[in-house]
Amino acid sequence: MGRKTREQEGLVGNRLEAFRTAANLTRAELAEMVGVNYQTIGYIERFEYSPSLALAFKLADALGTTVDELFFFEGGKP
């Protein structure tokens, strides 16, 4: 058996990096706005970590968008 795909693992995809760069924010600046370590932003952007619902809402609010625009379930509708 090979490794599971991201879809099989049920990971959450995101457009965090695109929204962050469009807002002209560094990872550190966004992290400070939402109260997490800058490394957490990197993990989310690289699909290595799925944020809690509360953090997802904080990120969407900080970037002036909605959770459903920022995050999506892999294999579902983007």
Protein backbone atom coordinates (compact mmCIF):
# COMPACT_ATOMS: atom_id res chain seq x y z
CA MET A 1 0.00 0.00 0.00
CA GLY A 2 1.27 3.45 -0.91
CA ARG A 3 0.87 6.69 0.92
CA LYS A 4 -2.59 8.16 1.16
CA THR A 5 -3.34 11.13 -1.06
CA ARG A 6 -4.40 14.42 0.50
CA GLU A 7 -7.94 13.69 -0.64
CA GLN A 8 -7.94 10.29 1.05
CA GLU A 9 -6.65 11.84 4.25
CA GLY A 10 -9.48 14.38 4.19
CA LEU A 11 -7.27 17.44 4.41
CA VAL A 12 -8.48 20.97 4.17
CA GLY A 13 -7.15 22.98 1.25
CA ASN A 14 -6.70 26.71 1.42
CA ARG A 15 -5.95 29.87 -0.46
CA LEU A 16 -4.23 31.47 2.52
CA GLU A 17 -0.98 32.38 0.80
CA ALA A 18 -2.78 34.01 -2.13
CA PHE A 19 -5.00 36.10 0.15
CA ARG A 20 -2.08 36.99 2.45
CA THR A 21 0.16 38.15 -0.38
CA ALA A 22 -2.72 40.09 -1.97
CA ALA A 23 -3.12 41.87 1.38
CA ASN A 24 0.64 42.61 1.32
CA LEU A 25 1.17 40.86 4.67
CA THR A 26 4.08 38.73 5.81
CA ARG A 27 3.46 35.49 7.63
CA ALA A 28 4.63 37.16 10.82
CA GLU A 29 2.25 40.10 10.40
CA LEU A 30 -0.74 37.85 9.77
CA ALA A 31 0.25 35.59 12.66
CA GLU A 32 0.38 38.56 15.03
CA MET A 33 -3.06 39.71 13.85
CA VAL A 34 -4.64 36.36 14.69
CA GLY A 35 -2.56 35.45 17.74
CA VAL A 36 -0.48 32.51 16.49
CA ASN A 37 3.18 31.85 15.76
CA TYR A 38 4.32 32.77 12.24
CA GLN A 39 5.31 29.14 11.69
CA THR A 40 1.65 28.14 12.07
CA ILE A 41 0.81 30.29 9.06
CA GLY A 42 3.51 28.49 7.06
CA TYR A 43 2.20 25.09 8.10
CA ILE A 44 -1.30 26.03 7.01
CA GLU A 45 -0.09 27.44 3.69
CA ARG A 46 1.86 24.23 2.98
CA PHE A 47 -1.18 22.07 3.85
CA GLU A 48 0.69 20.53 6.79
CA TYR A 49 -1.85 21.71 9.36
CA SER A 50 -5.58 22.28 9.28
CA PRO A 51 -6.60 25.19 11.51
CA SER A 52 -9.29 25.04 14.15
CA LEU A 53 -12.62 26.57 13.22
CA ALA A 54 -11.91 29.53 15.48
CA LEU A 55 -8.55 30.17 13.79
CA ALA A 56 -10.12 29.80 10.34
CA PHE A 57 -12.62 32.54 11.21
CA LYS A 58 -9.86 34.78 12.60
CA LEU A 59 -7.79 34.34 9.45
CA ALA A 60 -10.73 35.04 7.16
CA ASP A 61 -11.64 38.15 9.16
CA ALA A 62 -8.05 39.43 9.15
CA LEU A 63 -7.89 38.97 5.37
CA GLY A 64 -11.29 40.52 4.70
CA THR A 65 -12.85 37.38 3.28
CA THR A 66 -15.03 34.48 4.34
CA VAL A 67 -14.03 31.06 5.62
CA ASP A 68 -15.57 29.36 2.59
CA GLU A 69 -13.51 31.53 0.24
CA LEU A 70 -10.31 30.84 2.17
CA PHE A 71 -10.68 27.13 2.96
CA PHE A 72 -12.16 24.12 1.19
CA PHE A 73 -12.28 20.37 1.71
CA GLU A 74 -9.94 18.49 -0.64
CA GLY A 75 -11.98 16.56 -3.16
CA GLY A 76 -14.93 18.86 -2.65
CA LYS A 77 -15.85 21.97 -4.53
CA PRO A 78 -13.03 24.56 -4.39
